[in-house]
């Protein structure tokens, strides 16, 4: 794929006129997909696809389009040439972009990524064995995700990441199911068996009569998937410079009033250990790590090139949406195996869904519990709980009411395959929280 991309970029660069500048971005994958329903393979296939984003810049104006590669090099070059001519035609009609900024210092590089994935047949065999006698539904995806950048100034960057992700549930009945996931860079059969065993044990508990809790505060353990759901809300306009300067960030109290989270909370954009490329669409390289929250205090902002130009600061290679792509949360001191004992009496929350803000400036959010959520008493799971709504602020969840974080963290890649496999990921611990507010 790299050679296909470079060939297109070189061919189109040779067609530029005058002071034109061309930026090319490549996104591609070679993936196996297997979908399971009722513990059987229902759909299986492989995808090889690549797309080249083209951006033509001239006299402060920019125009964009994209080329889906066919695999026929000559045909792709002809199609690219037609698209380039089309961009050139519309440029004069566009206004100048006052926030236009792209990399002019040539910083080429390559991160190939080691392929340590299992054979898909091996993973499927283990999955079918885990689902035997149960109602398993899920999707397994594995393979390479590729990104590239090239410009007419001579810069060439390439990135490859080889990962797998199995997102599944054991269904009991109606809305009662146990959701689990296993993902990473190298398949470990023992680790998958452990996770499947935990999910099976929770499935057996779902057969017990469910309980409904009265509204109010409760001690809870938020499993990593639930913590990830909370952080995904915060990542939406929470860490970007533009959101901070225009005062629409959900972390406004931290930015304006010096509000802090618990001292044990540390968040960073950890590109060095994530799945996302170490460069962005305008050609700027990303540092291995950007500290977003340190010791509970607000850290650096994610700065895209347009924001850097508008506000007169340096970019740190953030995407145009200024959202983290490789979010990393530091672990704590709680042992995962002792969580039920430390929880004592309260609620084990396996996952959250339908989150939204109820008060953006206060970073207050609402949502529902989902899948395996249990009532715990005496350090043991007693019964499943019916779906509950919560309404809480980040400052209580990861601030004044945080008891502790687990030392173990879970790698959670995005399960999105809309158009292509996503390269976003998070690495998060579980969180033990006092007085978590359920509203119904």
Protein backbone atom coordinates (compact mmCIF):
# COMPACT_ATOMS: atom_id res chain seq x y z
CA UNK A 1 0.00 0.00 0.00
CA UNK A 2 2.85 2.35 0.78
CA UNK A 3 4.19 2.01 -2.75
CA UNK A 4 0.74 2.64 -4.26
CA UNK A 5 0.37 5.78 -2.18
CA UNK A 6 3.82 7.14 -2.99
CA UNK A 7 3.31 6.48 -6.70
CA UNK A 8 0.07 8.50 -6.72
CA UNK A 9 1.62 11.33 -4.66
CA UNK A 10 4.66 11.55 -6.94
CA UNK A 11 2.55 11.49 -10.10
CA UNK A 12 0.23 14.26 -8.90
CA UNK A 13 3.11 16.37 -7.59
CA UNK A 14 4.52 16.32 -11.11
CA UNK A 15 1.32 17.92 -12.41
CA UNK A 16 1.39 21.00 -10.15
CA UNK A 17 1.66 24.50 -11.57
CA UNK A 18 3.26 27.69 -10.31
CA UNK A 19 3.11 28.04 -6.52
CA UNK A 20 0.64 25.23 -5.94
CA UNK A 21 1.16 22.96 -2.95
CA UNK A 22 -0.36 19.50 -2.67
CA UNK A 23 -1.03 17.58 0.55
CA UNK A 24 -1.87 13.88 0.29
CA UNK A 25 -3.21 11.75 3.13
CA UNK A 26 -3.59 7.99 2.93
CA UNK A 27 -5.92 5.82 5.02
CA UNK A 28 -6.12 2.10 4.38
CA UNK A 29 -6.55 -1.32 5.90
CA UNK A 30 -6.17 -5.04 5.28
CA UNK A 31 -8.65 -6.61 7.66
CA UNK A 32 -10.42 -9.87 8.38
CA UNK A 33 -13.94 -9.60 9.78
CA UNK A 34 -15.97 -12.41 11.35
CA UNK A 35 -19.46 -11.84 12.72
CA UNK A 36 -21.02 -14.26 15.22
CA UNK A 37 -24.65 -14.77 16.17
CA UNK A 38 -25.96 -17.47 18.51
CA UNK A 39 -22.43 -18.82 18.87
CA UNK A 40 -21.99 -19.51 15.18
CA UNK A 41 -20.17 -17.79 12.35
CA UNK A 42 -22.76 -15.89 10.32
CA UNK A 43 -20.55 -13.71 8.14
CA UNK A 44 -16.86 -13.72 7.31
CA UNK A 45 -14.78 -11.75 4.88
CA UNK A 46 -11.66 -9.76 4.20
CA UNK A 47 -11.30 -6.12 3.19
CA UNK A 48 -8.42 -4.42 1.46
CA UNK A 49 -9.04 -0.76 0.81
CA UNK A 50 -7.18 2.51 0.52
CA UNK A 51 -8.19 6.14 0.10
CA UNK A 52 -6.05 9.16 -0.71
CA UNK A 53 -7.22 12.54 0.50
CA UNK A 54 -6.05 15.36 -1.77
CA UNK A 55 -5.73 18.99 -0.70
CA UNK A 56 -4.62 21.61 -3.22
CA UNK A 57 -3.36 24.92 -1.82
CA UNK A 58 -2.70 28.09 -3.78
CA UNK A 59 -2.60 31.78 -2.80
CA UNK A 60 -4.03 31.17 0.65
CA UNK A 61 -6.91 29.05 -0.65
CA UNK A 62 -7.47 25.35 -0.16
CA UNK A 63 -9.74 22.72 -1.71
CA UNK A 64 -10.12 19.06 -0.82
CA UNK A 65 -11.33 15.82 -2.33
CA UNK A 66 -10.61 12.10 -2.02
CA UNK A 67 -9.63 9.25 -4.32
CA UNK A 68 -10.61 5.66 -3.59
CA UNK A 69 -7.81 3.45 -4.91
CA UNK A 70 -8.81 0.66 -7.28
CA UNK A 71 -5.53 -1.27 -7.28
CA UNK A 72 -4.93 -0.40 -10.93
CA UNK A 73 -2.03 2.05 -10.70
CA UNK A 74 -2.48 3.66 -14.10
CA UNK A 75 -6.24 4.04 -13.68
CA UNK A 76 -5.75 5.55 -10.23
CA UNK A 77 -3.23 8.07 -11.58
CA UNK A 78 -5.66 9.13 -14.30
CA UNK A 79 -8.48 9.49 -11.77
CA UNK A 80 -6.21 11.47 -9.47
CA UNK A 81 -5.25 13.81 -12.32
CA UNK A 82 -8.92 14.50 -13.07
CA UNK A 83 -9.60 15.27 -9.40
CA UNK A 84 -6.60 17.57 -9.26
CA UNK A 85 -7.86 19.49 -12.29
CA UNK A 86 -11.25 19.80 -10.61
CA UNK A 87 -9.70 21.25 -7.45
CA UNK A 88 -7.72 23.72 -9.54
CA UNK A 89 -10.92 24.91 -11.23
CA UNK A 90 -12.79 25.67 -8.02
CA UNK A 91 -9.92 27.27 -6.06
CA UNK A 92 -10.39 30.79 -7.49
CA UNK A 93 -14.00 30.82 -6.32
CA UNK A 94 -13.06 30.02 -2.71
CA UNK A 95 -12.20 32.62 -0.04
CA UNK A 96 -8.73 32.76 1.46
CA UNK A 97 -8.40 30.69 4.62
CA UNK A 98 -7.07 32.92 7.42
CA UNK A 99 -6.20 29.88 9.55
CA UNK A 100 -4.34 27.94 6.86
CA UNK A 101 -1.23 26.26 8.26
CA UNK A 102 0.63 23.22 6.98
CA UNK A 103 4.05 21.72 7.59
CA UNK A 104 6.83 23.31 5.54
CA UNK A 105 9.78 21.76 7.40
CA UNK A 106 10.26 18.35 5.80
CA UNK A 107 10.12 15.72 8.57
CA UNK A 108 9.79 12.34 6.92
CA UNK A 109 9.56 9.13 8.89
CA UNK A 110 8.19 5.60 9.04
CA UNK A 111 6.69 3.50 11.82
CA UNK A 112 6.14 0.06 10.38
CA UNK A 113 4.67 -1.74 13.40
CA UNK A 114 5.40 -5.41 14.10
CA UNK A 115 2.76 -7.91 13.03
CA UNK A 116 2.09 -10.36 15.88
CA UNK A 117 -1.53 -11.14 15.14
CA UNK A 118 -3.05 -14.61 15.34
CA UNK A 119 -4.28 -16.45 12.32
CA UNK A 120 -7.95 -15.57 12.14
CA UNK A 121 -8.88 -19.26 12.07
CA UNK A 122 -7.10 -19.75 15.41
CA UNK A 123 -9.05 -16.90 17.01
CA UNK A 124 -12.35 -18.10 15.54
CA UNK A 125 -11.78 -21.60 16.91
CA UNK A 126 -11.19 -20.20 20.42
CA UNK A 127 -14.27 -17.98 20.15
CA UNK A 128 -16.53 -20.84 19.07
CA UNK A 129 -15.26 -22.95 21.96
CA UNK A 130 -16.01 -20.12 24.42
CA UNK A 131 -19.53 -19.74 23.01
CA UNK A 132 -20.45 -23.39 23.08
CA UNK A 133 -23.79 -23.85 24.83
CA UNK A 134 -24.32 -20.08 25.14
CA UNK A 135 -25.87 -17.31 23.05
CA UNK A 136 -22.77 -15.45 21.89
CA UNK A 137 -22.99 -12.47 19.52
CA UNK A 138 -20.09 -10.32 18.45
CA UNK A 139 -17.60 -9.29 15.82
CA UNK A 140 -13.92 -10.13 15.44
CA UNK A 141 -11.71 -7.81 13.40
CA UNK A 142 -7.98 -8.12 12.83
CA UNK A 143 -5.34 -6.84 10.49
CA UNK A 144 -3.28 -3.86 9.50
CA UNK A 145 -4.36 -0.23 9.64
CA UNK A 146 -2.23 2.13 7.53
CA UNK A 147 -1.80 5.88 7.30
CA UNK A 148 0.43 7.99 5.11
CA UNK A 149 1.28 11.60 4.41
CA UNK A 150 3.02 13.13 1.43
CA UNK A 151 3.35 16.68 0.22
CA UNK A 152 4.82 18.36 -2.81
CA UNK A 153 7.64 19.74 -0.64
CA UNK A 154 9.14 16.27 -0.41
CA UNK A 155 7.86 15.02 2.95
CA UNK A 156 6.89 11.35 3.18
CA UNK A 157 5.46 9.65 6.28
CA UNK A 158 4.10 6.15 6.75
CA UNK A 159 2.48 4.38 9.69
CA UNK A 160 1.26 0.81 10.18
CA UNK A 161 -0.47 -0.71 13.19
CA UNK A 162 -1.47 -4.38 13.43
CA UNK A 163 -4.21 -5.07 15.96
CA UNK A 164 -7.16 -7.33 16.70
CA UNK A 165 -10.42 -6.63 18.47
CA UNK A 166 -13.15 -9.03 19.55
CA UNK A 167 -16.25 -7.28 20.89
CA UNK A 168 -18.91 -9.71 22.10
CA UNK A 169 -21.76 -10.41 24.49
CA UNK A 170 -23.29 -13.45 26.14
CA UNK A 171 -27.05 -12.90 25.95
CA UNK A 172 -29.36 -14.12 28.70
CA UNK A 173 -32.80 -12.79 27.73
CA UNK A 174 -34.59 -9.52 26.95
CA UNK A 175 -32.19 -6.68 27.85
CA UNK A 176 -29.96 -8.86 30.05
CA UNK A 177 -26.54 -9.62 28.60
CA UNK A 178 -22.88 -9.61 29.57
CA UNK A 179 -20.67 -7.52 27.31
CA UNK A 180 -16.95 -8.14 27.03
CA UNK A 181 -14.07 -7.33 24.75
CA UNK A 182 -10.53 -8.49 24.12
CA UNK A 183 -8.14 -6.44 22.04
CA UNK A 184 -4.48 -5.83 21.55
CA UNK A 185 -1.44 -6.34 19.37
CA UNK A 186 -0.80 -10.02 20.19
CA UNK A 187 -3.38 -12.75 20.88
CA UNK A 188 -3.00 -14.64 24.15
CA UNK A 189 -5.24 -17.69 24.32
CA UNK A 190 -5.01 -17.89 28.11
CA UNK A 191 -6.01 -14.26 28.51
CA UNK A 192 -8.98 -14.69 26.20
CA UNK A 193 -10.06 -17.80 28.13
CA UNK A 194 -9.84 -15.83 31.38
CA UNK A 195 -12.03 -13.03 30.03
CA UNK A 196 -14.54 -15.47 28.58
CA UNK A 197 -14.67 -17.27 31.91
CA UNK A 198 -15.39 -14.03 33.78
CA UNK A 199 -18.17 -13.21 31.32
CA UNK A 200 -19.64 -16.69 31.73
CA UNK A 201 -19.67 -16.33 35.52
CA UNK A 202 -21.52 -13.02 35.22
CA UNK A 203 -23.97 -14.63 32.78
CA UNK A 204 -24.94 -17.17 35.43
CA UNK A 205 -25.68 -14.34 37.88
CA UNK A 206 -27.94 -12.66 35.31
CA UNK A 207 -30.30 -15.62 35.68
CA UNK A 208 -31.13 -14.46 39.22
CA UNK A 209 -34.19 -12.19 39.78
CA UNK A 210 -33.13 -8.59 39.06
CA UNK A 211 -33.37 -5.76 41.55
CA UNK A 212 -34.28 -2.12 41.11
CA UNK A 213 -32.53 0.49 43.24
CA UNK A 214 -34.19 3.61 44.57
CA UNK A 215 -32.73 6.92 43.36
CA UNK A 216 -29.87 8.33 45.41
CA UNK A 217 -26.16 8.09 46.05
CA UNK A 218 -24.38 4.76 46.05
CA UNK A 219 -20.85 3.40 46.24
CA UNK A 220 -19.94 2.04 42.80
CA UNK A 221 -17.16 0.38 40.90
CA UNK A 222 -16.91 1.58 37.32
CA UNK A 223 -15.26 -1.09 35.19
CA UNK A 224 -12.76 0.14 32.55
CA UNK A 225 -15.45 0.12 29.83
CA UNK A 226 -17.58 2.46 31.96
CA UNK A 227 -14.63 4.76 32.69
CA UNK A 228 -13.89 4.82 28.97
CA UNK A 229 -17.48 5.92 28.26
CA UNK A 230 -17.10 8.83 30.70
CA UNK A 231 -13.76 9.89 29.22
CA UNK A 232 -15.13 9.65 25.69
CA UNK A 233 -17.66 12.32 26.64
CA UNK A 234 -14.93 14.53 28.09
CA UNK A 235 -12.82 14.03 24.95
CA UNK A 236 -15.60 15.66 22.96
CA UNK A 237 -14.41 19.31 22.99
CA UNK A 238 -12.83 18.83 26.41
CA UNK A 239 -9.12 18.97 25.62
CA UNK A 240 -8.85 21.20 22.55
CA UNK A 241 -7.34 24.69 22.54
CA UNK A 242 -10.16 26.13 20.44
CA UNK A 243 -12.81 24.87 22.87
CA UNK A 244 -10.77 26.29 25.75
CA UNK A 245 -10.28 29.72 24.16
CA UNK A 246 -13.92 29.99 23.05
CA UNK A 247 -15.12 28.77 26.46
CA UNK A 248 -17.18 25.86 25.17
CA UNK A 249 -14.96 23.21 26.78
CA UNK A 250 -16.58 20.87 29.29
CA UNK A 251 -13.47 21.44 31.45
CA UNK A 252 -14.19 25.18 31.72
CA UNK A 253 -14.05 25.12 35.53
CA UNK A 254 -10.56 23.64 35.35
CA UNK A 255 -9.44 26.17 32.74
CA UNK A 256 -11.06 29.26 34.29
CA UNK A 257 -11.37 28.53 38.01
CA UNK A 258 -8.48 26.18 38.67
CA UNK A 259 -10.79 23.29 39.58
CA UNK A 260 -8.91 20.02 40.04
CA UNK A 261 -9.60 16.31 39.96
CA UNK A 262 -8.21 13.77 42.41
CA UNK A 263 -4.38 13.98 42.62
CA UNK A 264 -4.11 10.39 41.36
CA UNK A 265 -5.75 11.26 38.02
CA UNK A 266 -3.41 11.59 35.07
CA UNK A 267 -4.47 11.67 31.42
CA UNK A 268 -2.38 12.01 28.31
CA UNK A 269 -2.48 11.69 24.55
CA UNK A 270 -0.09 8.74 24.33
CA UNK A 271 0.63 8.46 20.63
CA UNK A 272 3.77 6.43 21.32
CA UNK A 273 1.73 3.46 22.63
CA UNK A 274 -1.51 3.85 20.70
CA UNK A 275 -2.86 2.79 17.32
CA UNK A 276 -3.00 6.22 15.71
CA UNK A 277 -0.25 7.59 13.42
CA UNK A 278 2.48 9.87 14.74
CA UNK A 279 1.65 12.59 12.23
CA UNK A 280 -1.53 14.44 11.27
CA UNK A 281 -3.26 15.52 8.10
CA UNK A 282 -1.31 18.77 7.58
CA UNK A 283 2.02 16.98 7.93
CA UNK A 284 2.97 17.99 11.47
CA UNK A 285 4.59 15.29 13.61
CA UNK A 286 3.03 14.36 16.92
CA UNK A 287 5.08 14.09 20.11
CA UNK A 288 5.00 10.67 21.80
CA UNK A 289 3.02 12.11 24.72
CA UNK A 290 0.97 15.23 25.47
CA UNK A 291 0.00 15.59 29.18
CA UNK A 292 -3.67 16.58 29.35
CA UNK A 293 -4.21 16.25 33.11
CA UNK A 294 -1.34 15.84 35.57
CA UNK A 295 -1.83 15.21 39.28
CA UNK A 296 -5.48 16.16 38.87
CA UNK A 297 -4.64 19.56 37.34
CA UNK A 298 -5.37 20.65 33.79
CA UNK A 299 -2.35 20.25 31.55
CA UNK A 300 -1.65 21.09 27.94
CA UNK A 301 -4.30 21.53 25.28
CA UNK A 302 -4.43 19.64 22.00
CA UNK A 303 -3.58 22.22 19.34
CA UNK A 304 -4.49 21.70 15.69
CA UNK A 305 -2.74 23.71 12.94
CA UNK A 306 -5.79 25.99 12.36
CA UNK A 307 -5.97 26.78 16.09
CA UNK A 308 -2.22 27.34 16.21
CA UNK A 309 -2.53 29.88 13.40
CA UNK A 310 -5.58 31.58 14.89
CA UNK A 311 -4.28 31.88 18.43
CA UNK A 312 -0.58 32.37 17.69
CA UNK A 313 0.80 29.27 19.39
CA UNK A 314 2.68 26.13 18.30
CA UNK A 315 0.75 23.11 17.14
CA UNK A 316 1.37 19.76 18.84
CA UNK A 317 0.04 17.73 15.94
CA UNK A 318 -3.58 17.42 17.04
CA UNK A 319 -6.23 16.57 14.47
CA UNK A 320 -8.57 19.29 13.29
CA UNK A 321 -11.20 18.21 15.82
CA UNK A 322 -8.60 18.47 18.61
CA UNK A 323 -9.81 15.20 20.13
CA UNK A 324 -7.43 12.60 21.57
CA UNK A 325 -6.84 9.51 19.44
CA UNK A 326 -4.66 7.53 21.90
CA UNK A 327 -6.06 8.48 25.30
CA UNK A 328 -4.10 7.08 28.23
CA UNK A 329 -5.17 7.21 31.88
CA UNK A 330 -2.72 6.32 34.63
CA UNK A 331 -3.53 3.42 36.90
CA UNK A 332 -3.77 3.52 40.68
CA UNK A 333 -3.07 1.16 43.56
CA UNK A 334 -6.23 -0.98 43.79
CA UNK A 335 -5.86 -4.63 42.84
CA UNK A 336 -8.44 -5.67 40.27
CA UNK A 337 -8.88 -9.03 41.98
CA UNK A 338 -9.89 -7.31 45.24
CA UNK A 339 -12.42 -4.88 43.77
CA UNK A 340 -15.56 -6.65 45.05
CA UNK A 341 -14.09 -6.80 48.54
CA UNK A 342 -13.15 -3.10 48.41
CA UNK A 343 -16.56 -2.21 47.00
CA UNK A 344 -18.22 -4.02 49.90
CA UNK A 345 -21.80 -2.89 49.50
CA UNK A 346 -22.73 -1.11 46.31
CA UNK A 347 -23.03 -1.38 42.54
CA UNK A 348 -20.67 -2.99 40.05
CA UNK A 349 -21.13 -1.09 36.77
CA UNK A 350 -19.88 -3.04 33.77
CA UNK A 351 -20.65 -0.42 31.13
CA UNK A 352 -22.49 2.84 30.44
CA UNK A 353 -24.34 4.04 27.35
CA UNK A 354 -26.40 6.89 25.90
CA UNK A 355 -24.22 9.45 27.64
CA UNK A 356 -24.78 13.14 27.07
CA UNK A 357 -24.10 16.38 28.88
CA UNK A 358 -26.75 17.76 31.22
CA UNK A 359 -24.56 20.80 32.04
CA UNK A 360 -21.53 21.32 29.81
CA UNK A 361 -19.69 24.05 31.80
CA UNK A 362 -20.02 21.96 34.97
CA UNK A 363 -18.92 18.80 33.12
CA UNK A 364 -22.12 17.16 34.32
CA UNK A 365 -23.29 14.19 32.30
CA UNK A 366 -26.16 11.76 32.31
CA UNK A 367 -26.53 8.26 30.92
CA UNK A 368 -27.67 4.72 31.57
CA UNK A 369 -26.13 1.58 32.98
CA UNK A 370 -25.90 -1.23 30.49
CA UNK A 371 -25.31 -4.97 30.32
CA UNK A 372 -23.71 -6.54 33.40
CA UNK A 373 -24.52 -4.20 36.30
CA UNK A 374 -24.82 -5.94 39.67
CA UNK A 375 -25.73 -5.34 43.29
CA UNK A 376 -22.82 -6.27 45.58
CA UNK A 377 -23.08 -6.95 49.30
CA UNK A 378 -20.50 -8.39 51.66
CA UNK A 379 -17.96 -8.22 48.85
CA UNK A 380 -19.95 -10.65 46.70
CA UNK A 381 -22.27 -10.17 43.72
CA UNK A 382 -25.86 -10.80 44.84
CA UNK A 383 -28.13 -9.95 41.91
CA UNK A 384 -28.33 -8.19 38.56
CA UNK A 385 -29.79 -4.70 38.51
CA UNK A 386 -32.34 -3.25 36.14
CA UNK A 387 -31.23 -0.34 33.97
CA UNK A 388 -30.64 2.88 35.93
CA UNK A 389 -29.98 6.48 34.90
CA UNK A 390 -27.16 8.45 36.50
CA UNK A 391 -26.42 12.17 36.65
CA UNK A 392 -22.94 13.09 37.81
CA UNK A 393 -20.06 15.52 37.29
CA UNK A 394 -16.53 14.56 36.36
CA UNK A 395 -15.36 16.47 39.44
CA UNK A 396 -17.20 14.04 41.69
CA UNK A 397 -16.52 10.86 39.72
CA UNK A 398 -12.76 11.42 39.31
CA UNK A 399 -12.42 14.11 41.96
CA UNK A 400 -13.79 14.44 45.47
CA UNK A 401 -15.60 11.07 45.44
CA UNK A 402 -12.88 8.96 43.87
CA UNK A 403 -11.72 6.24 46.28
CA UNK A 404 -9.10 4.80 43.97
CA UNK A 405 -8.13 3.43 40.57
CA UNK A 406 -7.08 -0.08 39.66
CA UNK A 407 -3.43 -0.76 38.97
CA UNK A 408 -4.45 -2.91 36.01
CA UNK A 409 -5.59 -1.04 32.91
CA UNK A 410 -7.48 -2.22 29.87
CA UNK A 411 -6.63 -1.43 26.26
CA UNK A 412 -9.89 -0.44 24.55
CA UNK A 413 -9.73 0.32 20.84
CA UNK A 414 -12.66 1.92 19.11
CA UNK A 415 -14.98 -0.77 17.74
CA UNK A 416 -16.14 1.55 14.95
CA UNK A 417 -15.95 0.03 11.48
CA UNK A 418 -18.11 2.67 9.79
CA UNK A 419 -16.37 3.03 6.43
CA UNK A 420 -13.15 1.63 7.85
CA UNK A 421 -11.65 0.35 11.09
CA UNK A 422 -10.94 3.20 13.48
CA UNK A 423 -7.41 3.83 14.78
CA UNK A 424 -8.61 5.45 18.01
CA UNK A 425 -7.92 3.72 21.30
CA UNK A 426 -7.88 4.25 25.06
CA UNK A 427 -5.99 2.61 27.91
CA UNK A 428 -7.89 3.03 31.20
CA UNK A 429 -8.22 1.56 34.71
CA UNK A 430 -11.36 0.86 36.69
CA UNK A 431 -12.53 3.37 39.30
CA UNK A 432 -14.02 2.95 42.79
CA UNK A 433 -16.31 5.90 43.54
CA UNK A 434 -18.32 7.00 46.59
CA UNK A 435 -21.82 8.55 46.47
CA UNK A 436 -22.44 8.07 42.76
CA UNK A 437 -25.84 9.57 41.96
CA UNK A 438 -28.54 7.43 40.35
CA UNK A 439 -31.66 9.36 39.42
CA UNK A 440 -34.06 6.52 38.57
